[in-house]
Amino acid sequence: MTDNALRLGTRRSKLAMAQSGLVAEAVSRVTGRPVELVEITTYGDVSREALAQIGGTGVFVTALRDALARGEVDFAVHSLKDLPTSQPEELALAAVPEREDPRDVIVARDALKFTDLPRGARIGTGSPRRMAQLNAYARAHGLDIETVPIRGNIDTRVGYVREGRLDAVVLAAAGLNRIGRIDEVTDFLSVDTVLPAPGQGALAIECAADNAALVAVLGELDDPSTRAAVTAERSLLAALEAGCSAPVGALADLLAGGSTVKEMRLRGVVGTTDGSRTVQLSTTGPVPQTHEQATALGRELAAEMLAQGAAGLMGERAL
């Protein structure tokens, strides 16, 4: 290890390494210190079971947090949507950098868009959230599709389309953008069609809570607007008592009034994976200035969704 280098814990996947590389460069700029990537294998990387079967919550995160606790790395980078909604006291969420595009995208054969897919088209996704919303949209608009559960990295998933085993797969725009493959997208799904996972497109940088100096310097990478948005989204998820593999979509965005940002809108959706029943609502409030205000916005919307029967649509609950 290089003298004075900071050790960044990261998953081994191509996407995780790309994301961590971007953070490493930014941390080096603000600290003047080299950053070395420490590759760590998580349970979610080695298990081939569906995320809903293995619990989803924390399967890509626990090994990284354990390495932090043992002092094997100085900080870790996660896809924020993979983080459990409860934050361990011994760890600090030091920074949430500016969010990438939160939308989901389609990579389809013959450069087809979602609504142009042929009748009976097979669409691959490992996400109950995506299945629920795609099937709900198809029911509402007379489309005939079959959602097929899949696992694997981006290469594996896109390979299913290239090999003709699937007509399309659904992926996150942020991931494809970060590895330089956004040109493979054949359709960007509007958030009016499919709401993303809470925190999708954002990264989370964690370190030991008692390392005040490192918390402070990593905090220079924090984007307050992104943090407020994802805090509201994750508060909704927590209040619904749903894990990160549950069919819950959420997105908070800032609404401009004239030349200034006036309000934050939070949208949420819960549905059965066959798309037969959904609860989709939104709420709007002043732009949160504190963690507590952002959390309250999420809880408010969750309460309204629960009153509309959301709890009965989520299937397996987080343990």
C-alpha atoms as a PDB file:
ATOM      1  CA  MET A   1       0.000   0.000   0.000  1.00  0.00           C
ATOM      2  CA  THR A   2       1.201   3.510  -0.838  1.00  0.00           C
ATOM      3  CA  ASP A   3       2.255   5.590   2.157  1.00  0.00           C
ATOM      4  CA  ASN A   4      -0.509   7.941   3.276  1.00  0.00           C
ATOM      5  CA  ALA A   5      -3.025   6.369   0.870  1.00  0.00           C
ATOM      6  CA  LEU A   6      -6.683   6.125   1.813  1.00  0.00           C
ATOM      7  CA  ARG A   7      -8.252   2.686   1.358  1.00  0.00           C
ATOM      8  CA  LEU A   8     -11.605   2.651  -0.420  1.00  0.00           C
ATOM      9  CA  GLY A   9     -13.711  -0.504  -0.024  1.00  0.00           C
ATOM     10  CA  THR A  10     -15.677  -1.468  -3.118  1.00  0.00           C
ATOM     11  CA  ARG A  11     -17.515  -4.405  -4.628  1.00  0.00           C
ATOM     12  CA  ARG A  12     -15.657  -6.168  -7.441  1.00  0.00           C
ATOM     13  CA  SER A  13     -18.211  -5.683 -10.239  1.00  0.00           C
ATOM     14  CA  LYS A  14     -17.312  -3.579 -13.253  1.00  0.00           C
ATOM     15  CA  LEU A  15     -19.969  -1.018 -12.320  1.00  0.00           C
ATOM     16  CA  ALA A  16     -18.923  -0.832  -8.663  1.00  0.00           C
ATOM     17  CA  MET A  17     -15.283  -0.398  -9.651  1.00  0.00           C
ATOM     18  CA  ALA A  18     -16.216   2.376 -12.097  1.00  0.00           C
ATOM     19  CA  GLN A  19     -18.296   4.178  -9.465  1.00  0.00           C
ATOM     20  CA  SER A  20     -15.597   3.818  -6.840  1.00  0.00           C
ATOM     21  CA  GLY A  21     -12.968   5.028  -9.302  1.00  0.00           C
ATOM     22  CA  LEU A  22     -14.924   8.248  -9.829  1.00  0.00           C
ATOM     23  CA  VAL A  23     -15.198   8.757  -6.059  1.00  0.00           C
ATOM     24  CA  ALA A  24     -11.503   7.929  -5.573  1.00  0.00           C
ATOM     25  CA  GLU A  25     -10.536  10.670  -8.027  1.00  0.00           C
ATOM     26  CA  ALA A  26     -12.763  13.183  -6.262  1.00  0.00           C
ATOM     27  CA  VAL A  27     -11.432  12.248  -2.809  1.00  0.00           C
ATOM     28  CA  SER A  28      -7.856  12.557  -4.048  1.00  0.00           C
ATOM     29  CA  ARG A  29      -8.637  16.047  -5.316  1.00  0.00           C
ATOM     30  CA  VAL A  30     -10.037  17.251  -1.992  1.00  0.00           C
ATOM     31  CA  THR A  31      -7.489  15.502   0.257  1.00  0.00           C
ATOM     32  CA  GLY A  32      -4.335  15.591  -1.841  1.00  0.00           C
ATOM     33  CA  ARG A  33      -3.847  11.931  -0.890  1.00  0.00           C
ATOM     34  CA  PRO A  34      -3.807   8.869  -3.145  1.00  0.00           C
ATOM     35  CA  VAL A  35      -6.770   6.496  -2.876  1.00  0.00           C
ATOM     36  CA  GLU A  36      -6.397   2.756  -3.371  1.00  0.00           C
ATOM     37  CA  LEU A  37      -9.352   0.500  -4.168  1.00  0.00           C
ATOM     38  CA  VAL A  38      -9.789  -2.557  -1.952  1.00  0.00           C
ATOM     39  CA  GLU A  39     -11.991  -5.119  -3.676  1.00  0.00           C
ATOM     40  CA  ILE A  40     -14.472  -6.944  -1.434  1.00  0.00           C
ATOM     41  CA  THR A  41     -16.878  -9.722  -2.394  1.00  0.00           C
ATOM     42  CA  THR A  42     -20.384  -9.422  -0.956  1.00  0.00           C
ATOM     43  CA  TYR A  43     -23.008 -12.125  -0.481  1.00  0.00           C
ATOM     44  CA  GLY A  44     -25.148 -10.548  -3.172  1.00  0.00           C
ATOM     45  CA  ASP A  45     -22.282 -10.929  -5.654  1.00  0.00           C
ATOM     46  CA  VAL A  46     -21.847 -14.676  -5.147  1.00  0.00           C
ATOM     47  CA  SER A  47     -25.462 -15.780  -4.598  1.00  0.00           C
ATOM     48  CA  ARG A  48     -27.454 -16.653  -7.694  1.00  0.00           C
ATOM     49  CA  GLU A  49     -30.787 -16.567  -5.881  1.00  0.00           C
ATOM     50  CA  ALA A  50     -33.331 -13.846  -6.605  1.00  0.00           C
ATOM     51  CA  LEU A  51     -32.869 -10.823  -4.369  1.00  0.00           C
ATOM     52  CA  ALA A  52     -36.344 -11.255  -2.916  1.00  0.00           C
ATOM     53  CA  GLN A  53     -35.411 -14.797  -1.844  1.00  0.00           C
ATOM     54  CA  ILE A  54     -32.185 -13.822  -0.065  1.00  0.00           C
ATOM     55  CA  GLY A  55     -33.789 -10.817   1.574  1.00  0.00           C
ATOM     56  CA  GLY A  56     -32.393  -8.069  -0.644  1.00  0.00           C
ATOM     57  CA  THR A  57     -31.678  -5.713   2.226  1.00  0.00           C
ATOM     58  CA  GLY A  58     -27.962  -5.302   2.854  1.00  0.00           C
ATOM     59  CA  VAL A  59     -26.745  -8.207   0.701  1.00  0.00           C
ATOM     60  CA  PHE A  60     -24.432  -5.905  -1.288  1.00  0.00           C
ATOM     61  CA  VAL A  61     -23.483  -3.802   1.738  1.00  0.00           C
ATOM     62  CA  THR A  62     -22.767  -5.937   4.811  1.00  0.00           C
ATOM     63  CA  ALA A  63     -19.323  -7.170   3.778  1.00  0.00           C
ATOM     64  CA  LEU A  64     -18.185  -3.607   3.040  1.00  0.00           C
ATOM     65  CA  ARG A  65     -19.477  -2.403   6.399  1.00  0.00           C
ATOM     66  CA  ASP A  66     -17.733  -5.312   8.140  1.00  0.00           C
ATOM     67  CA  ALA A  67     -14.449  -4.318   6.472  1.00  0.00           C
ATOM     68  CA  LEU A  68     -14.942  -0.765   7.771  1.00  0.00           C
ATOM     69  CA  ALA A  69     -15.606  -2.060  11.273  1.00  0.00           C
ATOM     70  CA  ARG A  70     -12.422  -4.164  11.182  1.00  0.00           C
ATOM     71  CA  GLY A  71     -10.359  -1.208   9.992  1.00  0.00           C
ATOM     72  CA  GLU A  72      -9.446  -2.933   6.732  1.00  0.00           C
ATOM     73  CA  VAL A  73     -10.651   0.061   4.704  1.00  0.00           C
ATOM     74  CA  ASP A  74     -10.986   3.761   5.529  1.00  0.00           C
ATOM     75  CA  PHE A  75     -14.225   4.382   3.666  1.00  0.00           C
ATOM     76  CA  ALA A  76     -16.612   2.550   1.351  1.00  0.00           C
ATOM     77  CA  VAL A  77     -18.731   3.411  -1.673  1.00  0.00           C
ATOM     78  CA  HIS A  78     -22.190   1.903  -2.205  1.00  0.00           C
ATOM     79  CA  SER A  79     -25.000   2.321  -4.686  1.00  0.00           C
ATOM     80  CA  LEU A  80     -27.304   4.191  -2.341  1.00  0.00           C
ATOM     81  CA  LYS A  81     -30.354   2.157  -3.373  1.00  0.00           C
ATOM     82  CA  ASP A  82     -28.627  -0.927  -1.877  1.00  0.00           C
ATOM     83  CA  LEU A  83     -28.280   0.615   1.601  1.00  0.00           C
ATOM     84  CA  PRO A  84     -30.657  -0.555   4.340  1.00  0.00           C
ATOM     85  CA  THR A  85     -32.744   2.357   5.585  1.00  0.00           C
ATOM     86  CA  SER A  86     -31.381   2.088   9.140  1.00  0.00           C
ATOM     87  CA  GLN A  87     -27.943   3.656   9.615  1.00  0.00           C
ATOM     88  CA  PRO A  88     -25.541   1.959  12.089  1.00  0.00           C
ATOM     89  CA  GLU A  89     -24.414   4.349  14.832  1.00  0.00           C
ATOM     90  CA  GLU A  90     -20.763   3.430  14.322  1.00  0.00           C
ATOM     91  CA  LEU A  91     -20.844   4.469  10.652  1.00  0.00           C
ATOM     92  CA  ALA A  92     -21.382   7.903   9.128  1.00  0.00           C
ATOM     93  CA  LEU A  93     -23.043   8.514   5.776  1.00  0.00           C
ATOM     94  CA  ALA A  94     -20.386  11.118   5.111  1.00  0.00           C
ATOM     95  CA  ALA A  95     -21.408  12.131   1.603  1.00  0.00           C
ATOM     96  CA  VAL A  96     -24.074  11.663  -1.034  1.00  0.00           C
ATOM     97  CA  PRO A  97     -22.558  13.139  -4.221  1.00  0.00           C
ATOM     98  CA  GLU A  98     -24.657  14.710  -6.958  1.00  0.00           C
ATOM     99  CA  ARG A  99     -27.078  12.195  -8.394  1.00  0.00           C
ATOM    100  CA  GLU A 100     -26.839  10.688 -11.856  1.00  0.00           C
ATOM    101  CA  ASP A 101     -29.915  10.190 -14.069  1.00  0.00           C
ATOM    102  CA  PRO A 102     -32.340   8.205 -11.840  1.00  0.00           C
ATOM    103  CA  ARG A 103     -34.406   6.740 -14.673  1.00  0.00           C
ATOM    104  CA  ASP A 104     -34.710   3.137 -15.768  1.00  0.00           C
ATOM    105  CA  VAL A 105     -33.935   2.288 -19.378  1.00  0.00           C
ATOM    106  CA  ILE A 106     -34.655  -0.428 -21.906  1.00  0.00           C
ATOM    107  CA  VAL A 107     -32.021  -2.236 -23.939  1.00  0.00           C
ATOM    108  CA  ALA A 108     -34.023  -4.067 -26.603  1.00  0.00           C
ATOM    109  CA  ARG A 109     -33.407  -6.024 -29.767  1.00  0.00           C
ATOM    110  CA  ASP A 110     -33.603  -4.175 -33.061  1.00  0.00           C
ATOM    111  CA  ALA A 111     -33.341  -0.815 -31.233  1.00  0.00           C
ATOM    112  CA  LEU A 112     -36.998  -1.092 -30.204  1.00  0.00           C
ATOM    113  CA  LYS A 113     -38.670   1.223 -27.719  1.00  0.00           C
ATOM    114  CA  PHE A 114     -40.763  -0.206 -24.885  1.00  0.00           C
ATOM    115  CA  THR A 115     -44.130   0.558 -26.500  1.00  0.00           C
ATOM    116  CA  ASP A 116     -42.939  -0.874 -29.855  1.00  0.00           C
ATOM    117  CA  LEU A 117     -42.061  -4.315 -28.499  1.00  0.00           C
ATOM    118  CA  PRO A 118     -44.020  -7.120 -30.217  1.00  0.00           C
ATOM    119  CA  ARG A 119     -46.907  -8.940 -28.569  1.00  0.00           C
ATOM    120  CA  GLY A 120     -45.632 -11.514 -26.094  1.00  0.00           C
ATOM    121  CA  ALA A 121     -42.282  -9.754 -25.722  1.00  0.00           C
ATOM    122  CA  ARG A 122     -40.119 -11.147 -22.916  1.00  0.00           C
ATOM    123  CA  ILE A 123     -38.553  -8.427 -20.765  1.00  0.00           C
ATOM    124  CA  GLY A 124     -35.889  -9.362 -18.228  1.00  0.00           C
ATOM    125  CA  THR A 125     -35.455  -7.720 -14.841  1.00  0.00           C
ATOM    126  CA  GLY A 126     -34.441  -8.810 -11.367  1.00  0.00           C
ATOM    127  CA  SER A 127     -36.558  -6.105  -9.743  1.00  0.00           C
ATOM    128  CA  PRO A 128     -40.096  -6.693  -8.396  1.00  0.00           C
ATOM    129  CA  ARG A 129     -40.509  -2.894  -8.520  1.00  0.00           C
ATOM    130  CA  ARG A 130     -39.852  -2.828 -12.254  1.00  0.00           C
ATOM    131  CA  MET A 131     -42.060  -5.859 -12.864  1.00  0.00           C
ATOM    132  CA  ALA A 132     -44.949  -4.274 -10.976  1.00  0.00           C
ATOM    133  CA  GLN A 133     -44.821  -0.997 -12.872  1.00  0.00           C
ATOM    134  CA  LEU A 134     -44.124  -2.417 -16.330  1.00  0.00           C
ATOM    135  CA  ASN A 135     -46.992  -4.877 -15.951  1.00  0.00           C
ATOM    136  CA  ALA A 136     -49.301  -2.160 -14.616  1.00  0.00           C
ATOM    137  CA  TYR A 137     -48.465   0.075 -17.588  1.00  0.00           C
ATOM    138  CA  ALA A 138     -48.970  -2.815 -20.008  1.00  0.00           C
ATOM    139  CA  ARG A 139     -52.401  -3.588 -18.499  1.00  0.00           C
ATOM    140  CA  ALA A 140     -53.441   0.063 -18.729  1.00  0.00           C
ATOM    141  CA  HIS A 141     -52.306   0.490 -22.330  1.00  0.00           C
ATOM    142  CA  GLY A 142     -53.164  -2.870 -23.850  1.00  0.00           C
ATOM    143  CA  LEU A 143     -49.603  -4.131 -24.235  1.00  0.00           C
ATOM    144  CA  ASP A 144     -48.845  -7.848 -24.168  1.00  0.00           C
ATOM    145  CA  ILE A 145     -45.546  -8.461 -22.349  1.00  0.00           C
ATOM    146  CA  GLU A 146     -44.005 -11.082 -20.085  1.00  0.00           C
ATOM    147  CA  THR A 147     -41.591  -9.983 -17.370  1.00  0.00           C
ATOM    148  CA  VAL A 148     -38.886 -12.575 -16.748  1.00  0.00           C
ATOM    149  CA  PRO A 149     -36.832 -12.647 -13.512  1.00  0.00           C
ATOM    150  CA  ILE A 150     -33.063 -12.512 -14.132  1.00  0.00           C
ATOM    151  CA  ARG A 151     -29.862 -11.913 -12.153  1.00  0.00           C
ATOM    152  CA  GLY A 152     -26.372 -10.958 -13.219  1.00  0.00           C
ATOM    153  CA  ASN A 153     -24.195  -7.996 -14.098  1.00  0.00           C
ATOM    154  CA  ILE A 154     -24.781  -5.622 -16.999  1.00  0.00           C
ATOM    155  CA  ASP A 155     -22.851  -7.798 -19.475  1.00  0.00           C
ATOM    156  CA  THR A 156     -24.904 -10.851 -18.520  1.00  0.00           C
ATOM    157  CA  ARG A 157     -28.220  -9.045 -18.773  1.00  0.00           C
ATOM    158  CA  VAL A 158     -27.521  -7.333 -22.090  1.00  0.00           C
ATOM    159  CA  GLY A 159     -26.166 -10.667 -23.320  1.00  0.00           C
ATOM    160  CA  TYR A 160     -29.618 -12.212 -22.919  1.00  0.00           C
ATOM    161  CA  VAL A 161     -30.872  -9.746 -25.537  1.00  0.00           C
ATOM    162  CA  ARG A 162     -27.892 -10.113 -27.859  1.00  0.00           C
ATOM    163  CA  GLU A 163     -28.288 -13.922 -27.753  1.00  0.00           C
ATOM    164  CA  GLY A 164     -32.011 -13.707 -28.538  1.00  0.00           C
ATOM    165  CA  ARG A 165     -33.112 -15.236 -25.223  1.00  0.00           C
ATOM    166  CA  LEU A 166     -35.011 -12.059 -24.298  1.00  0.00           C
ATOM    167  CA  ASP A 167     -36.528  -9.238 -26.306  1.00  0.00           C
ATOM    168  CA  ALA A 168     -35.379  -6.578 -23.839  1.00  0.00           C
ATOM    169  CA  VAL A 169     -33.913  -5.985 -20.400  1.00  0.00           C
ATOM    170  CA  VAL A 170     -34.450  -3.126 -17.963  1.00  0.00           C
ATOM    171  CA  LEU A 171     -31.406  -1.446 -16.405  1.00  0.00           C
ATOM    172  CA  ALA A 172     -30.568   1.775 -14.572  1.00  0.00           C
ATOM    173  CA  ALA A 173     -29.447   4.681 -16.744  1.00  0.00           C
ATOM    174  CA  ALA A 174     -26.884   5.710 -14.125  1.00  0.00           C
ATOM    175  CA  GLY A 175     -25.067   2.397 -14.238  1.00  0.00           C
ATOM    176  CA  LEU A 176     -24.770   2.330 -18.019  1.00  0.00           C
ATOM    177  CA  ASN A 177     -23.638   5.945 -18.045  1.00  0.00           C
ATOM    178  CA  ARG A 178     -20.932   5.342 -15.441  1.00  0.00           C
ATOM    179  CA  ILE A 179     -19.387   2.500 -17.444  1.00  0.00           C
ATOM    180  CA  GLY A 180     -19.628   4.386 -20.743  1.00  0.00           C
ATOM    181  CA  ARG A 181     -22.382   2.279 -22.342  1.00  0.00           C
ATOM    182  CA  ILE A 182     -25.327   4.665 -22.382  1.00  0.00           C
ATOM    183  CA  ASP A 183     -25.368   4.481 -26.198  1.00  0.00           C
ATOM    184  CA  GLU A 184     -26.728   0.919 -25.928  1.00  0.00           C
ATOM    185  CA  VAL A 185     -30.011   2.225 -24.502  1.00  0.00           C
ATOM    186  CA  THR A 186     -32.923   1.913 -26.904  1.00  0.00           C
ATOM    187  CA  ASP A 187     -35.491   3.687 -24.708  1.00  0.00           C
ATOM    188  CA  PHE A 188     -35.466   5.864 -21.588  1.00  0.00           C
ATOM    189  CA  LEU A 189     -38.472   5.074 -19.404  1.00  0.00           C
ATOM    190  CA  SER A 190     -40.242   8.186 -18.177  1.00  0.00           C
ATOM    191  CA  VAL A 191     -40.626   8.392 -14.411  1.00  0.00           C
ATOM    192  CA  ASP A 192     -44.334   8.768 -15.177  1.00  0.00           C
ATOM    193  CA  THR A 193     -44.166   5.182 -16.469  1.00  0.00           C
ATOM    194  CA  VAL A 194     -41.707   3.620 -14.008  1.00  0.00           C
ATOM    195  CA  LEU A 195     -40.641   5.343 -10.802  1.00  0.00           C
ATOM    196  CA  PRO A 196     -37.051   4.395  -9.884  1.00  0.00           C
ATOM    197  CA  ALA A 197     -35.932   2.668  -6.718  1.00  0.00           C
ATOM    198  CA  PRO A 198     -35.486   4.991  -3.726  1.00  0.00           C
ATOM    199  CA  GLY A 199     -31.988   6.443  -4.055  1.00  0.00           C
ATOM    200  CA  GLN A 200     -31.437   5.144  -7.590  1.00  0.00           C
ATOM    201  CA  GLY A 201     -28.658   6.971  -9.422  1.00  0.00           C
ATOM    202  CA  ALA A 202     -27.045   8.202  -6.189  1.00  0.00           C
ATOM    203  CA  LEU A 203     -23.919   6.959  -4.427  1.00  0.00           C
ATOM    204  CA  ALA A 204     -23.290   6.691  -0.699  1.00  0.00           C
ATOM    205  CA  ILE A 205     -19.889   7.224   0.912  1.00  0.00           C
ATOM    206  CA  GLU A 206     -19.534   5.737   4.400  1.00  0.00           C
ATOM    207  CA  CYS A 207     -16.749   5.845   6.963  1.00  0.00           C
ATOM    208  CA  ALA A 208     -16.310   5.328  10.689  1.00  0.00           C
ATOM    209  CA  ALA A 209     -18.424   7.835  12.617  1.00  0.00           C
ATOM    210  CA  ASP A 210     -15.629   8.499  15.120  1.00  0.00           C
ATOM    211  CA  ASN A 211     -13.176   9.591  12.403  1.00  0.00           C
ATOM    212  CA  ALA A 212     -14.246  13.244  12.483  1.00  0.00           C
ATOM    213  CA  ALA A 213     -11.467  14.433  10.185  1.00  0.00           C
ATOM    214  CA  LEU A 214     -12.378  11.937   7.452  1.00  0.00           C
ATOM    215  CA  VAL A 215     -16.118  12.578   7.871  1.00  0.00           C
ATOM    216  CA  ALA A 216     -15.431  16.284   7.344  1.00  0.00           C
ATOM    217  CA  VAL A 217     -13.248  15.907   4.272  1.00  0.00           C
ATOM    218  CA  LEU A 218     -15.559  13.378   2.605  1.00  0.00           C
ATOM    219  CA  GLY A 219     -18.414  15.748   3.383  1.00  0.00           C
ATOM    220  CA  GLU A 220     -16.984  18.145   0.804  1.00  0.00           C
ATOM    221  CA  LEU A 221     -18.356  15.766  -1.858  1.00  0.00           C
ATOM    222  CA  ASP A 222     -21.890  15.970  -0.479  1.00  0.00           C
ATOM    223  CA  ASP A 223     -24.649  17.459  -2.634  1.00  0.00           C
ATOM    224  CA  PRO A 224     -27.355  18.896  -0.329  1.00  0.00           C
ATOM    225  CA  SER A 225     -30.158  18.681  -2.911  1.00  0.00           C
ATOM    226  CA  THR A 226     -29.409  15.041  -3.673  1.00  0.00           C
ATOM    227  CA  ARG A 227     -29.156  14.183   0.022  1.00  0.00           C
ATOM    228  CA  ALA A 228     -32.510  15.833   0.769  1.00  0.00           C
ATOM    229  CA  ALA A 229     -34.182  13.980  -2.095  1.00  0.00           C
ATOM    230  CA  VAL A 230     -32.848  10.535  -1.254  1.00  0.00           C
ATOM    231  CA  THR A 231     -33.535  11.076   2.456  1.00  0.00           C
ATOM    232  CA  ALA A 232     -37.201  11.674   1.658  1.00  0.00           C
ATOM    233  CA  GLU A 233     -37.321   8.645  -0.651  1.00  0.00           C
ATOM    234  CA  ARG A 234     -35.650   6.351   1.879  1.00  0.00           C
ATOM    235  CA  SER A 235     -37.882   7.664   4.669  1.00  0.00           C
ATOM    236  CA  LEU A 236     -40.877   6.586   2.584  1.00  0.00           C
ATOM    237  CA  LEU A 237     -39.326   3.140   2.121  1.00  0.00           C
ATOM    238  CA  ALA A 238     -38.599   2.802   5.847  1.00  0.00           C
ATOM    239  CA  ALA A 239     -42.074   3.915   6.886  1.00  0.00           C
ATOM    240  CA  LEU A 240     -43.587   1.330   4.550  1.00  0.00           C
ATOM    241  CA  GLU A 241     -41.367  -1.237   6.319  1.00  0.00           C
ATOM    242  CA  ALA A 242     -40.186  -2.405   2.914  1.00  0.00           C
ATOM    243  CA  GLY A 243     -36.759  -3.718   2.004  1.00  0.00           C
ATOM    244  CA  CYS A 244     -34.760  -2.643  -1.031  1.00  0.00           C
ATOM    245  CA  SER A 245     -36.078  -5.668  -2.979  1.00  0.00           C
ATOM    246  CA  ALA A 246     -39.737  -4.734  -2.365  1.00  0.00           C
ATOM    247  CA  PRO A 247     -41.865  -3.421  -5.277  1.00  0.00           C
ATOM    248  CA  VAL A 248     -41.589   0.199  -4.110  1.00  0.00           C
ATOM    249  CA  GLY A 249     -40.663   3.106  -6.376  1.00  0.00           C
ATOM    250  CA  ALA A 250     -39.995   6.642  -5.180  1.00  0.00           C
ATOM    251  CA  LEU A 251     -38.581   9.861  -6.540  1.00  0.00           C
ATOM    252  CA  ALA A 252     -38.199  13.292  -4.977  1.00  0.00           C
ATOM    253  CA  ASP A 253     -37.531  16.238  -7.247  1.00  0.00           C
ATOM    254  CA  LEU A 254     -37.311  19.987  -6.850  1.00  0.00           C
ATOM    255  CA  LEU A 255     -39.998  22.195  -8.362  1.00  0.00           C
ATOM    256  CA  ALA A 256     -39.047  25.630  -9.601  1.00  0.00           C
ATOM    257  CA  GLY A 257     -41.234  28.662  -9.098  1.00  0.00           C
ATOM    258  CA  GLY A 258     -40.033  31.435 -11.351  1.00  0.00           C
ATOM    259  CA  SER A 259     -36.252  31.667 -11.021  1.00  0.00           C
ATOM    260  CA  THR A 260     -36.034  29.876  -7.667  1.00  0.00           C
ATOM    261  CA  VAL A 261     -36.678  26.385  -6.365  1.00  0.00           C
ATOM    262  CA  LYS A 262     -39.816  26.573  -4.250  1.00  0.00           C
ATOM    263  CA  GLU A 263     -40.892  23.063  -3.347  1.00  0.00           C
ATOM    264  CA  MET A 264     -39.975  19.386  -3.293  1.00  0.00           C
ATOM    265  CA  ARG A 265     -42.358  16.838  -4.769  1.00  0.00           C
ATOM    266  CA  LEU A 266     -42.179  13.227  -3.589  1.00  0.00           C
ATOM    267  CA  ARG A 267     -43.851  10.506  -5.613  1.00  0.00           C
ATOM    268  CA  GLY A 268     -44.245   6.911  -4.479  1.00  0.00           C
ATOM    269  CA  VAL A 269     -45.695   3.701  -5.864  1.00  0.00           C
ATOM    270  CA  VAL A 270     -46.291   0.193  -4.540  1.00  0.00           C
ATOM    271  CA  GLY A 271     -47.764  -2.607  -6.605  1.00  0.00           C
ATOM    272  CA  THR A 272     -48.215  -6.316  -7.040  1.00  0.00           C
ATOM    273  CA  THR A 273     -45.641  -7.757  -9.427  1.00  0.00           C
ATOM    274  CA  ASP A 274     -48.325  -8.777 -11.940  1.00  0.00           C
ATOM    275  CA  GLY A 275     -49.406  -5.145 -12.186  1.00  0.00           C
ATOM    276  CA  SER A 276     -53.002  -5.893 -11.212  1.00  0.00           C
ATOM    277  CA  ARG A 277     -53.058  -3.532  -8.220  1.00  0.00           C
ATOM    278  CA  THR A 278     -51.038  -0.407  -7.469  1.00  0.00           C
ATOM    279  CA  VAL A 279     -51.081   2.476  -5.029  1.00  0.00           C
ATOM    280  CA  GLN A 280     -49.412   5.571  -6.470  1.00  0.00           C
ATOM    281  CA  LEU A 281     -49.510   8.939  -4.694  1.00  0.00           C
ATOM    282  CA  SER A 282     -47.489  12.127  -4.371  1.00  0.00           C
ATOM    283  CA  THR A 283     -47.038  14.955  -1.895  1.00  0.00           C
ATOM    284  CA  THR A 284     -45.405  18.360  -2.134  1.00  0.00           C
ATOM    285  CA  GLY A 285     -43.827  20.499   0.554  1.00  0.00           C
ATOM    286  CA  PRO A 286     -41.204  23.180   1.158  1.00  0.00           C
ATOM    287  CA  VAL A 287     -37.674  22.193   0.138  1.00  0.00           C
ATOM    288  CA  PRO A 288     -36.301  20.367   3.211  1.00  0.00           C
ATOM    289  CA  GLN A 289     -33.539  22.241   4.981  1.00  0.00           C
ATOM    290  CA  THR A 290     -32.822  19.512   7.530  1.00  0.00           C
ATOM    291  CA  HIS A 291     -32.680  15.733   7.704  1.00  0.00           C
ATOM    292  CA  GLU A 292     -35.771  15.784   9.906  1.00  0.00           C
ATOM    293  CA  GLN A 293     -37.809  17.774   7.382  1.00  0.00           C
ATOM    294  CA  ALA A 294     -36.873  15.427   4.529  1.00  0.00           C
ATOM    295  CA  THR A 295     -37.712  12.431   6.707  1.00  0.00           C
ATOM    296  CA  ALA A 296     -41.092  13.919   7.609  1.00  0.00           C
ATOM    297  CA  LEU A 297     -41.977  14.322   3.920  1.00  0.00           C
ATOM    298  CA  GLY A 298     -41.353  10.618   3.310  1.00  0.00           C
ATOM    299  CA  ARG A 299     -43.329   9.558   6.371  1.00  0.00           C
ATOM    300  CA  GLU A 300     -46.256  11.754   5.359  1.00  0.00           C
ATOM    301  CA  LEU A 301     -46.530  10.129   1.945  1.00  0.00           C
ATOM    302  CA  ALA A 302     -46.050   6.636   3.390  1.00  0.00           C
ATOM    303  CA  ALA A 303     -48.932   7.190   5.796  1.00  0.00           C
ATOM    304  CA  GLU A 304     -51.196   8.174   2.912  1.00  0.00           C
ATOM    305  CA  MET A 305     -50.109   5.120   0.889  1.00  0.00           C
ATOM    306  CA  LEU A 306     -50.669   2.774   3.819  1.00  0.00           C
ATOM    307  CA  ALA A 307     -54.128   4.250   4.274  1.00  0.00           C
ATOM    308  CA  GLN A 308     -54.807   3.325   0.629  1.00  0.00           C
ATOM    309  CA  GLY A 309     -53.793  -0.320   1.240  1.00  0.00           C
ATOM    310  CA  ALA A 310     -50.112  -0.280   0.233  1.00  0.00           C
ATOM    311  CA  ALA A 311     -49.068  -2.771   2.925  1.00  0.00           C
ATOM    312  CA  GLY A 312     -51.049  -5.570   1.348  1.00  0.00           C
ATOM    313  CA  LEU A 313     -49.345  -5.157  -2.041  1.00  0.00           C
ATOM    314  CA  MET A 314     -45.710  -5.536  -1.023  1.00  0.00           C
ATOM    315  CA  GLY A 315     -45.495  -9.282  -0.515  1.00  0.00           C
ATOM    316  CA  GLU A 316     -42.395 -10.201   1.461  1.00  0.00           C
ATOM    317  CA  ARG A 317     -41.474  -7.650   4.108  1.00  0.00           C
ATOM    318  CA  ALA A 318     -37.998  -6.763   5.254  1.00  0.00           C
ATOM    319  CA  LEU A 319     -36.750  -8.769   8.222  1.00  0.00           C
END
